[in-house]
């Protein structure tokens, strides 16, 4: 069939051949092994994958859908043929790299808001799910800048329509598959894309059970990789897991993963000081009313810690005054107020970092709670002896 594809150019003939090959592979998946056997037996000079790869430039959506699916299935097939260090191995590696780069090009080209309405993205994600089922495909995905691309799709668009939830499932499924490769898992944790926080947000907010399942499974795979466990605790995963424990799940794997994560992360909670938990939360870019924020003892014991590492946490806290999340804004304003209250040089340090302007701008925010905490924050930033403004806080 590859020979037939190489010799024709008419769309209707190509569509017929692709449909036949699709039926054949569906009925007998082992047929894919013949493609690999032919490539190896000819040492890469008789290439049955080449004609299919060329079809990726076609404008016909049917041809694009079928060729994308077929290439994904053929390249992901676990062939028993040994490539070894041969020219055939170079050819198949080049195809895997080229196809992965093409998939990423499709995924990068679409606006995340419109992702649910793009047939090309649907085809590309379906093929990627197949490809990252192998270590070779996983490595190719990471090499093709796949991680930030997938993370970008996680936060785009609404999570309510069936198409958007399906695409989110495919994205998280691909990340779950990636997490089985140690090098990919480490990249997922150490990169700056905030993957752990996004996964926690997804299992917290998305109602679809299958999305929650792959999200939890991915978090479980990342346990013990780099700082993943501490980061999970820092972004509030224990509270999320506690909430998930109260729900009824049809899938027993979800219940098992929740219990496993709780048991594993309790060790981290016990070993992490309240300051470490707080610093991780600030670094995540999203704040919640966790106990430390309104604990007088926390601020009394930790206000000096904000100066560590060149005031890194304080800088991150000030930067959160530009957040688009109302709760994060309210908590950030509250925390800066507490810092100024407890640190003798708090007002000066916050002023040096440019906190006044953003805090004053937040006074006009539409959320009453944000306005309330922003007002207190501005008062303490503007008045040196703030305790005399309306009486000392009790």
Foldseek 3Di string as FASTA:
>chain_A
DLVVLVPDDDPVVLLVVLVVVVVVCVVPVCVLLVQLVVCQVVLNPDHSLVSLVVQCPDPDLSSNLSSLQVSLSSLLDPHPDDNPPTSSVVNSLVSLLVSLLSLLVQLVVDALQCLLVDSSPVSSLNSLLSQLLDPSNLVSCVVSVNLLSLLNNLPGHDQPDPSSVVSNLSSLSSLLSSLVDLVSLLCNPPPPSLNLLSLLVCLQPHPDQSSVLSSLSNLLSSPPRDCSLLLCLLQPSLVSLVVVCPDDDPDVSNVVSSVVSNVSSVVVVVVDDPVSSPLSNLSSLADDPDPLLPDLVNLQVCLVVCPPPVSVSVLSLLVSLPPPDLRSLLSSLSNLLSSLVRDLCSLVVCVVSPNQPSLVVQCPPPDPSSVVSSVSSNLSNPDNPSCPVVHHDD
